[in-house]
PDB file of N, CA and C in Angstrom:
ATOM      1  N   UNK A   1     116.059  99.890  87.046  1.00  0.00           N
ATOM      2  CA  UNK A   1     115.419  99.747  88.236  1.00  0.00           C
ATOM      3  C   UNK A   1     116.464 101.106  89.232  1.00  0.00           C
ATOM      4  N   UNK A   2     115.342 101.556  90.051  1.00  0.00           N
ATOM      5  CA  UNK A   2     115.696 102.553  90.788  1.00  0.00           C
ATOM      6  C   UNK A   2     116.369 102.302  92.160  1.00  0.00           C
ATOM      7  N   UNK A   3     117.358 102.960  92.508  1.00  0.00           N
ATOM      8  CA  UNK A   3     117.759 102.807  93.482  1.00  0.00           C
ATOM      9  C   UNK A   3     117.427 103.764  94.835  1.00  0.00           C
ATOM     10  N   UNK A   4     115.884 104.078  94.571  1.00  0.00           N
ATOM     11  CA  UNK A   4     115.225 104.755  95.773  1.00  0.00           C
ATOM     12  C   UNK A   4     114.974 104.041  96.614  1.00  0.00           C
ATOM     13  N   UNK A   5     115.146 104.422  98.038  1.00  0.00           N
ATOM     14  CA  UNK A   5     114.369 103.473  98.924  1.00  0.00           C
ATOM     15  C   UNK A   5     113.283 103.989  99.633  1.00  0.00           C
ATOM     16  N   UNK A   6     112.490 102.968 100.177  1.00  0.00           N
ATOM     17  CA  UNK A   6     111.122 103.612 100.862  1.00  0.00           C
ATOM     18  C   UNK A   6     110.819 102.465 102.193  1.00  0.00           C
ATOM     19  N   UNK A   7     109.910 103.363 103.011  1.00  0.00           N
ATOM     20  CA  UNK A   7     109.657 102.272 104.167  1.00  0.00           C
ATOM     21  C   UNK A   7     108.018 102.911 104.433  1.00  0.00           C
ATOM     22  N   UNK A   8     107.051 102.039 104.599  1.00  0.00           N
ATOM     23  CA  UNK A   8     105.787 102.692 104.636  1.00  0.00           C
ATOM     24  C   UNK A   8     105.452 101.450 105.730  1.00  0.00           C
ATOM     25  N   UNK A   9     104.314 102.241 106.048  1.00  0.00           N
ATOM     26  CA  UNK A   9     103.588 101.080 107.477  1.00  0.00           C
ATOM     27  C   UNK A   9     102.318 100.912 106.631  1.00  0.00           C
ATOM     28  N   UNK A  10     101.842  99.708 106.915  1.00  0.00           N
ATOM     29  CA  UNK A  10     100.776  99.151 105.852  1.00  0.00           C
ATOM     30  C   UNK A  10      99.657  98.788 107.179  1.00  0.00           C
ATOM     31  N   UNK A  11      98.217  99.168 107.166  1.00  0.00           N
ATOM     32  CA  UNK A  11      97.495  98.656 107.849  1.00  0.00           C
ATOM     33  C   UNK A  11      96.296  97.873 107.010  1.00  0.00           C
ATOM     34  N   UNK A  12      96.281  96.623 106.954  1.00  0.00           N
ATOM     35  CA  UNK A  12      95.574  95.371 105.869  1.00  0.00           C
ATOM     36  C   UNK A  12      94.059  95.091 106.825  1.00  0.00           C
ATOM     37  N   UNK A  13      92.929  95.176 106.228  1.00  0.00           N
ATOM     38  CA  UNK A  13      91.926  95.138 106.534  1.00  0.00           C
ATOM     39  C   UNK A  13      90.889  94.040 105.587  1.00  0.00           C
ATOM     40  N   UNK A  14      90.238  93.555 106.377  1.00  0.00           N
ATOM     41  CA  UNK A  14      89.215  92.213 105.980  1.00  0.00           C
ATOM     42  C   UNK A  14      89.532  91.007 106.535  1.00  0.00           C
ATOM     43  N   UNK A  15      89.639  89.716 106.114  1.00  0.00           N
ATOM     44  CA  UNK A  15      89.775  88.626 106.619  1.00  0.00           C
ATOM     45  C   UNK A  15      91.201  88.592 106.531  1.00  0.00           C
ATOM     46  N   UNK A  16      92.226  88.529 107.264  1.00  0.00           N
ATOM     47  CA  UNK A  16      93.226  88.487 107.223  1.00  0.00           C
ATOM     48  C   UNK A  16      94.402  87.764 108.438  1.00  0.00           C
ATOM     49  N   UNK A  17      93.302  87.599 109.425  1.00  0.00           N
ATOM     50  CA  UNK A  17      93.718  86.568 110.355  1.00  0.00           C
ATOM     51  C   UNK A  17      93.306  85.241 110.685  1.00  0.00           C
ATOM     52  N   UNK A  18      93.864  84.494 111.142  1.00  0.00           N
ATOM     53  CA  UNK A  18      93.724  83.057 110.623  1.00  0.00           C
ATOM     54  C   UNK A  18      93.497  82.402 109.226  1.00  0.00           C
ATOM     55  N   UNK A  19      94.380  82.860 108.729  1.00  0.00           N
ATOM     56  CA  UNK A  19      94.296  82.644 107.139  1.00  0.00           C
ATOM     57  C   UNK A  19      95.897  82.462 106.754  1.00  0.00           C
ATOM     58  N   UNK A  20      96.888  82.391 107.644  1.00  0.00           N
ATOM     59  CA  UNK A  20      97.994  82.225 107.538  1.00  0.00           C
ATOM     60  C   UNK A  20      98.765  83.538 107.019  1.00  0.00           C
ATOM     61  N   UNK A  21      98.128  84.834 106.740  1.00  0.00           N
ATOM     62  CA  UNK A  21      98.631  86.063 106.341  1.00  0.00           C
ATOM     63  C   UNK A  21      99.730  86.214 106.699  1.00  0.00           C
ATOM     64  N   UNK A  22      99.940  86.375 108.005  1.00  0.00           N
ATOM     65  CA  UNK A  22     101.442  86.914 108.161  1.00  0.00           C
ATOM     66  C   UNK A  22     102.570  85.854 107.770  1.00  0.00           C
ATOM     67  N   UNK A  23     102.387  84.608 107.673  1.00  0.00           N
ATOM     68  CA  UNK A  23     103.271  83.251 107.112  1.00  0.00           C
ATOM     69  C   UNK A  23     103.455  83.813 105.602  1.00  0.00           C
ATOM     70  N   UNK A  24     102.545  84.002 104.975  1.00  0.00           N
ATOM     71  CA  UNK A  24     102.433  84.516 103.556  1.00  0.00           C
ATOM     72  C   UNK A  24     103.406  85.695 103.113  1.00  0.00           C
ATOM     73  N   UNK A  25     102.860  86.836 103.864  1.00  0.00           N
ATOM     74  CA  UNK A  25     103.438  88.026 103.843  1.00  0.00           C
ATOM     75  C   UNK A  25     105.288  87.875 104.064  1.00  0.00           C
ATOM     76  N   UNK A  26     105.876  87.263 105.020  1.00  0.00           N
ATOM     77  CA  UNK A  26     106.767  87.109 105.151  1.00  0.00           C
ATOM     78  C   UNK A  26     107.695  86.329 103.961  1.00  0.00           C
ATOM     79  N   UNK A  27     106.872  85.288 103.310  1.00  0.00           N
ATOM     80  CA  UNK A  27     107.228  84.388 102.169  1.00  0.00           C
ATOM     81  C   UNK A  27     107.468  85.817 101.045  1.00  0.00           C
ATOM     82  N   UNK A  28     106.358  86.546 100.827  1.00  0.00           N
ATOM     83  CA  UNK A  28     106.516  87.553  99.928  1.00  0.00           C
ATOM     84  C   UNK A  28     107.540  88.689 100.130  1.00  0.00           C
ATOM     85  N   UNK A  29     107.748  89.114 101.173  1.00  0.00           N
ATOM     86  CA  UNK A  29     108.748  89.946 101.380  1.00  0.00           C
ATOM     87  C   UNK A  29     110.175  89.179 101.066  1.00  0.00           C
ATOM     88  N   UNK A  30     110.473  88.220 101.346  1.00  0.00           N
ATOM     89  CA  UNK A  30     112.092  87.567 101.249  1.00  0.00           C
ATOM     90  C   UNK A  30     112.152  87.315  99.735  1.00  0.00           C
ATOM     91  N   UNK A  31     111.039  87.249  99.140  1.00  0.00           N
ATOM     92  CA  UNK A  31     110.944  86.955  97.333  1.00  0.00           C
ATOM     93  C   UNK A  31     111.184  88.204  96.699  1.00  0.00           C
ATOM     94  N   UNK A  32     110.732  89.221  97.308  1.00  0.00           N
ATOM     95  CA  UNK A  32     110.915  90.636  97.023  1.00  0.00           C
ATOM     96  C   UNK A  32     111.795  91.240  97.527  1.00  0.00           C
ATOM     97  N   UNK A  33     112.676  90.816  98.861  1.00  0.00           N
ATOM     98  CA  UNK A  33     113.913  91.136  99.019  1.00  0.00           C
ATOM     99  C   UNK A  33     113.616  92.613 100.187  1.00  0.00           C
ATOM    100  N   UNK A  34     112.474  92.425 100.688  1.00  0.00           N
ATOM    101  CA  UNK A  34     111.920  93.593 101.158  1.00  0.00           C
ATOM    102  C   UNK A  34     111.972  93.028 102.784  1.00  0.00           C
ATOM    103  N   UNK A  35     112.479  94.422 103.634  1.00  0.00           N
ATOM    104  CA  UNK A  35     112.785  93.862 105.065  1.00  0.00           C
ATOM    105  C   UNK A  35     111.886  94.498 105.853  1.00  0.00           C
ATOM    106  N   UNK A  36     111.537  93.828 106.825  1.00  0.00           N
ATOM    107  CA  UNK A  36     110.455  94.826 107.875  1.00  0.00           C
ATOM    108  C   UNK A  36     109.821  93.795 108.992  1.00  0.00           C
ATOM    109  N   UNK A  37     108.554  93.635 108.966  1.00  0.00           N
ATOM    110  CA  UNK A  37     107.784  92.999 110.038  1.00  0.00           C
ATOM    111  C   UNK A  37     106.359  93.095 109.492  1.00  0.00           C
ATOM    112  N   UNK A  38     105.596  91.981 110.269  1.00  0.00           N
ATOM    113  CA  UNK A  38     104.237  91.984 110.313  1.00  0.00           C
ATOM    114  C   UNK A  38     103.760  91.531 111.481  1.00  0.00           C
ATOM    115  N   UNK A  39     102.494  91.560 112.005  1.00  0.00           N
ATOM    116  CA  UNK A  39     101.810  91.620 112.947  1.00  0.00           C
ATOM    117  C   UNK A  39     100.464  91.331 113.268  1.00  0.00           C
ATOM    118  N   UNK A  40      99.705  90.688 114.158  1.00  0.00           N
ATOM    119  CA  UNK A  40      98.302  90.819 114.009  1.00  0.00           C
ATOM    120  C   UNK A  40      97.933  92.088 114.843  1.00  0.00           C
ATOM    121  N   UNK A  41      96.842  92.422 114.479  1.00  0.00           N
ATOM    122  CA  UNK A  41      96.748  93.856 115.816  1.00  0.00           C
ATOM    123  C   UNK A  41      95.236  93.085 116.317  1.00  0.00           C
ATOM    124  N   UNK A  42      94.960  93.391 117.945  1.00  0.00           N
ATOM    125  CA  UNK A  42      93.432  93.367 118.399  1.00  0.00           C
ATOM    126  C   UNK A  42      92.482  93.862 117.693  1.00  0.00           C
ATOM    127  N   UNK A  43      92.459  94.512 116.816  1.00  0.00           N
ATOM    128  CA  UNK A  43      91.133  94.817 115.736  1.00  0.00           C
ATOM    129  C   UNK A  43      91.073  94.203 114.476  1.00  0.00           C
ATOM    130  N   UNK A  44      91.718  92.795 114.811  1.00  0.00           N
ATOM    131  CA  UNK A  44      91.467  91.877 113.471  1.00  0.00           C
ATOM    132  C   UNK A  44      92.045  92.399 112.218  1.00  0.00           C
ATOM    133  N   UNK A  45      92.516  93.552 112.358  1.00  0.00           N
ATOM    134  CA  UNK A  45      93.483  93.683 111.457  1.00  0.00           C
ATOM    135  C   UNK A  45      94.908  93.146 111.248  1.00  0.00           C
ATOM    136  N   UNK A  46      96.046  93.385 110.184  1.00  0.00           N
ATOM    137  CA  UNK A  46      97.257  92.830 110.282  1.00  0.00           C
ATOM    138  C   UNK A  46      98.191  94.176 110.296  1.00  0.00           C
ATOM    139  N   UNK A  47      99.054  94.521 110.535  1.00  0.00           N
ATOM    140  CA  UNK A  47      99.917  95.352 110.677  1.00  0.00           C
ATOM    141  C   UNK A  47     101.364  95.137 110.057  1.00  0.00           C
ATOM    142  N   UNK A  48     101.826  95.751 109.293  1.00  0.00           N
ATOM    143  CA  UNK A  48     103.159  95.736 108.541  1.00  0.00           C
ATOM    144  C   UNK A  48     104.101  96.935 108.521  1.00  0.00           C
ATOM    145  N   UNK A  49     105.332  96.811 108.409  1.00  0.00           N
ATOM    146  CA  UNK A  49     106.447  97.700 107.959  1.00  0.00           C
ATOM    147  C   UNK A  49     107.479  97.249 106.960  1.00  0.00           C
ATOM    148  N   UNK A  50     107.474  97.480 105.595  1.00  0.00           N
ATOM    149  CA  UNK A  50     108.056  97.287 104.588  1.00  0.00           C
ATOM    150  C   UNK A  50     109.076  98.294 104.110  1.00  0.00           C
ATOM    151  N   UNK A  51     110.351  97.637 104.130  1.00  0.00           N
ATOM    152  CA  UNK A  51     111.411  98.753 103.912  1.00  0.00           C
ATOM    153  C   UNK A  51     112.310  98.017 102.754  1.00  0.00           C
ATOM    154  N   UNK A  52     112.773  99.253 101.734  1.00  0.00           N
ATOM    155  CA  UNK A  52     113.609  98.403 100.626  1.00  0.00           C
ATOM    156  C   UNK A  52     113.400  99.204  99.287  1.00  0.00           C
ATOM    157  N   UNK A  53     114.209  98.832  98.180  1.00  0.00           N
ATOM    158  CA  UNK A  53     113.800  99.645  96.928  1.00  0.00           C
ATOM    159  C   UNK A  53     112.406  99.665  96.809  1.00  0.00           C
ATOM    160  N   UNK A  54     112.329 100.894  96.606  1.00  0.00           N
ATOM    161  CA  UNK A  54     110.890 101.372  96.092  1.00  0.00           C
ATOM    162  C   UNK A  54     110.033 100.679  95.034  1.00  0.00           C
ATOM    163  N   UNK A  55     110.669 100.255  94.055  1.00  0.00           N
ATOM    164  CA  UNK A  55     110.212  99.248  93.205  1.00  0.00           C
ATOM    165  C   UNK A  55     109.504  97.984  93.743  1.00  0.00           C
ATOM    166  N   UNK A  56     110.501  97.434  94.896  1.00  0.00           N
ATOM    167  CA  UNK A  56     110.176  96.009  95.556  1.00  0.00           C
ATOM    168  C   UNK A  56     108.994  96.391  96.780  1.00  0.00           C
ATOM    169  N   UNK A  57     109.202  97.618  97.182  1.00  0.00           N
ATOM    170  CA  UNK A  57     108.072  97.882  98.229  1.00  0.00           C
ATOM    171  C   UNK A  57     106.793  97.727  97.688  1.00  0.00           C
ATOM    172  N   UNK A  58     106.760  98.412  96.482  1.00  0.00           N
ATOM    173  CA  UNK A  58     105.386  98.893  95.826  1.00  0.00           C
ATOM    174  C   UNK A  58     105.115  97.224  95.178  1.00  0.00           C
ATOM    175  N   UNK A  59     105.733  96.135  94.711  1.00  0.00           N
ATOM    176  CA  UNK A  59     105.783  94.903  94.339  1.00  0.00           C
ATOM    177  C   UNK A  59     104.940  94.134  95.510  1.00  0.00           C
ATOM    178  N   UNK A  60     105.397  94.259  96.761  1.00  0.00           N
ATOM    179  CA  UNK A  60     105.115  93.528  97.811  1.00  0.00           C
ATOM    180  C   UNK A  60     103.824  94.467  98.385  1.00  0.00           C
ATOM    181  N   UNK A  61     103.721  95.445  98.229  1.00  0.00           N
ATOM    182  CA  UNK A  61     102.229  96.059  98.565  1.00  0.00           C
ATOM    183  C   UNK A  61     101.040  95.393  97.695  1.00  0.00           C
ATOM    184  N   UNK A  62     101.488  95.179  96.267  1.00  0.00           N
ATOM    185  CA  UNK A  62     100.465  94.785  94.999  1.00  0.00           C
ATOM    186  C   UNK A  62     100.127  93.371  95.548  1.00  0.00           C
ATOM    187  N   UNK A  63     101.198  92.709  95.925  1.00  0.00           N
ATOM    188  CA  UNK A  63     100.843  90.925  96.213  1.00  0.00           C
ATOM    189  C   UNK A  63     100.114  91.102  97.674  1.00  0.00           C
ATOM    190  N   UNK A  64      99.972  92.124  98.335  1.00  0.00           N
ATOM    191  CA  UNK A  64      99.448  92.241  99.905  1.00  0.00           C
ATOM    192  C   UNK A  64      98.152  92.543  99.450  1.00  0.00           C
ATOM    193  N   UNK A  65      97.962  92.945  98.540  1.00  0.00           N
ATOM    194  CA  UNK A  65      96.131  93.986  98.136  1.00  0.00           C
ATOM    195  C   UNK A  65      95.392  92.576  97.645  1.00  0.00           C
ATOM    196  N   UNK A  66      95.893  91.302  97.026  1.00  0.00           N
ATOM    197  CA  UNK A  66      95.249  90.365  96.934  1.00  0.00           C
ATOM    198  C   UNK A  66      95.510  88.962  97.843  1.00  0.00           C
ATOM    199  N   UNK A  67      96.449  88.989  98.647  1.00  0.00           N
ATOM    200  CA  UNK A  67      96.670  88.144  99.914  1.00  0.00           C
ATOM    201  C   UNK A  67      96.667  86.486  99.562  1.00  0.00           C
ATOM    202  N   UNK A  68      96.919  85.911 100.519  1.00  0.00           N
ATOM    203  CA  UNK A  68      96.796  84.446 100.112  1.00  0.00           C
ATOM    204  C   UNK A  68      95.368  84.038  99.764  1.00  0.00           C
ATOM    205  N   UNK A  69      95.820  82.680  99.090  1.00  0.00           N
ATOM    206  CA  UNK A  69      94.217  82.327  98.809  1.00  0.00           C
ATOM    207  C   UNK A  69      93.145  82.244  99.909  1.00  0.00           C
ATOM    208  N   UNK A  70      93.182  81.978 101.166  1.00  0.00           N
ATOM    209  CA  UNK A  70      92.257  82.400 101.998  1.00  0.00           C
ATOM    210  C   UNK A  70      91.566  83.547 102.481  1.00  0.00           C
ATOM    211  N   UNK A  71      92.534  84.217 102.239  1.00  0.00           N
ATOM    212  CA  UNK A  71      91.884  85.840 102.719  1.00  0.00           C
ATOM    213  C   UNK A  71      91.377  86.605 101.759  1.00  0.00           C
ATOM    214  N   UNK A  72      90.413  87.735 102.546  1.00  0.00           N
ATOM    215  CA  UNK A  72      90.026  88.601 101.836  1.00  0.00           C
ATOM    216  C   UNK A  72      90.383  89.978 101.985  1.00  0.00           C
ATOM    217  N   UNK A  73      91.132  90.656 101.188  1.00  0.00           N
ATOM    218  CA  UNK A  73      91.663  91.859 101.546  1.00  0.00           C
ATOM    219  C   UNK A  73      90.483  92.941 101.287  1.00  0.00           C
ATOM    220  N   UNK A  74      90.006  93.688 102.164  1.00  0.00           N
ATOM    221  CA  UNK A  74      88.984  94.787 102.013  1.00  0.00           C
ATOM    222  C   UNK A  74      89.798  96.416 101.581  1.00  0.00           C
ATOM    223  N   UNK A  75      90.771  96.243 102.154  1.00  0.00           N
ATOM    224  CA  UNK A  75      91.279  97.847 101.840  1.00  0.00           C
ATOM    225  C   UNK A  75      92.742  97.358 102.490  1.00  0.00           C
ATOM    226  N   UNK A  76      93.635  98.608 102.234  1.00  0.00           N
ATOM    227  CA  UNK A  76      95.096  98.284 102.677  1.00  0.00           C
ATOM    228  C   UNK A  76      95.298 100.243 102.998  1.00  0.00           C
ATOM    229  N   UNK A  77      95.676 100.854 104.216  1.00  0.00           N
ATOM    230  CA  UNK A  77      95.604 102.029 104.768  1.00  0.00           C
ATOM    231  C   UNK A  77      97.354 102.102 104.477  1.00  0.00           C
ATOM    232  N   UNK A  78      97.994 102.977 104.058  1.00  0.00           N
ATOM    233  CA  UNK A  78      99.314 102.984 103.551  1.00  0.00           C
ATOM    234  C   UNK A  78     100.094 104.338 104.093  1.00  0.00           C
ATOM    235  N   UNK A  79     100.850 104.038 105.219  1.00  0.00           N
ATOM    236  CA  UNK A  79     101.483 105.516 105.538  1.00  0.00           C
ATOM    237  C   UNK A  79     102.800 105.476 105.527  1.00  0.00           C
ATOM    238  N   UNK A  80     103.507 106.400 104.876  1.00  0.00           N
ATOM    239  CA  UNK A  80     104.775 106.526 104.444  1.00  0.00           C
ATOM    240  C   UNK A  80     105.678 106.911 106.004  1.00  0.00           C
ATOM    241  N   UNK A  81     106.822 106.196 106.000  1.00  0.00           N
ATOM    242  CA  UNK A  81     107.520 106.511 106.820  1.00  0.00           C
ATOM    243  C   UNK A  81     108.413 107.537 106.526  1.00  0.00           C
ATOM    244  N   UNK A  82     108.915 108.548 107.528  1.00  0.00           N
ATOM    245  CA  UNK A  82     109.739 109.662 107.314  1.00  0.00           C
ATOM    246  C   UNK A  82     111.291 108.897 107.402  1.00  0.00           C
ATOM    247  N   UNK A  83     111.347 108.331 108.094  1.00  0.00           N
ATOM    248  CA  UNK A  83     112.842 107.624 108.225  1.00  0.00           C
ATOM    249  C   UNK A  83     112.712 106.057 107.917  1.00  0.00           C
ATOM    250  N   UNK A  84     113.772 105.919 106.899  1.00  0.00           N
ATOM    251  CA  UNK A  84     114.135 104.536 106.601  1.00  0.00           C
ATOM    252  C   UNK A  84     114.483 103.589 107.701  1.00  0.00           C
ATOM    253  N   UNK A  85     113.757 102.655 107.915  1.00  0.00           N
ATOM    254  CA  UNK A  85     113.964 101.193 108.799  1.00  0.00           C
ATOM    255  C   UNK A  85     115.353 100.730 108.933  1.00  0.00           C
ATOM    256  N   UNK A  86     115.597 100.524 109.841  1.00  0.00           N
ATOM    257  CA  UNK A  86     116.977  99.885 110.064  1.00  0.00           C
ATOM    258  C   UNK A  86     116.973  98.304 110.288  1.00  0.00           C
ATOM    259  N   UNK A  87     115.811  97.824 110.454  1.00  0.00           N
ATOM    260  CA  UNK A  87     115.890  96.516 110.439  1.00  0.00           C
ATOM    261  C   UNK A  87     116.304  95.614 109.236  1.00  0.00           C
ATOM    262  N   UNK A  88     116.828  94.326 109.307  1.00  0.00           N
ATOM    263  CA  UNK A  88     117.511  93.733 108.157  1.00  0.00           C
ATOM    264  C   UNK A  88     116.734  92.181 108.633  1.00  0.00           C
ATOM    265  N   UNK A  89     116.140  91.715 106.956  1.00  0.00           N
ATOM    266  CA  UNK A  89     115.505  90.699 107.450  1.00  0.00           C
ATOM    267  C   UNK A  89     114.138  90.898 107.407  1.00  0.00           C
ATOM    268  N   UNK A  90     112.920  89.932 107.414  1.00  0.00           N
ATOM    269  CA  UNK A  90     111.771  89.874 107.972  1.00  0.00           C
ATOM    270  C   UNK A  90     111.586  88.861 108.951  1.00  0.00           C
ATOM    271  N   UNK A  91     110.603  89.885 109.744  1.00  0.00           N
ATOM    272  CA  UNK A  91     110.161  89.061 110.683  1.00  0.00           C
ATOM    273  C   UNK A  91     108.673  89.217 111.268  1.00  0.00           C
ATOM    274  N   UNK A  92     107.988  87.817 111.998  1.00  0.00           N
ATOM    275  CA  UNK A  92     106.596  87.822 112.165  1.00  0.00           C
ATOM    276  C   UNK A  92     106.596  88.044 113.582  1.00  0.00           C
ATOM    277  N   UNK A  93     105.777  89.192 113.913  1.00  0.00           N
ATOM    278  CA  UNK A  93     105.734  89.601 115.544  1.00  0.00           C
ATOM    279  C   UNK A  93     104.615  89.263 116.056  1.00  0.00           C
ATOM    280  N   UNK A  94     104.816  89.031 117.246  1.00  0.00           N
ATOM    281  CA  UNK A  94     103.314  88.450 117.951  1.00  0.00           C
ATOM    282  C   UNK A  94     102.383  89.602 118.341  1.00  0.00           C
TER     283      UNK A  94
END
């Protein structure tokens, strides 16, 4: 396993609000050992920041492409962050 760290910002599009997407993402992040946050945006997308070992971030991103049972993910825009996040744990933001 690589020790390289990665921080990304992701905007998830589709039916991702009102389907427990944020709570599901928090559980998945904790399962993969990724820190960061997730929040709903006014445009009905979900935005998240993931930071941790590159392989864990990629695994979480792959899970987010599927999403929870009631969600429909139409696409994810990923932005690589130039600085690693300093947040510990994973939180749901309003």
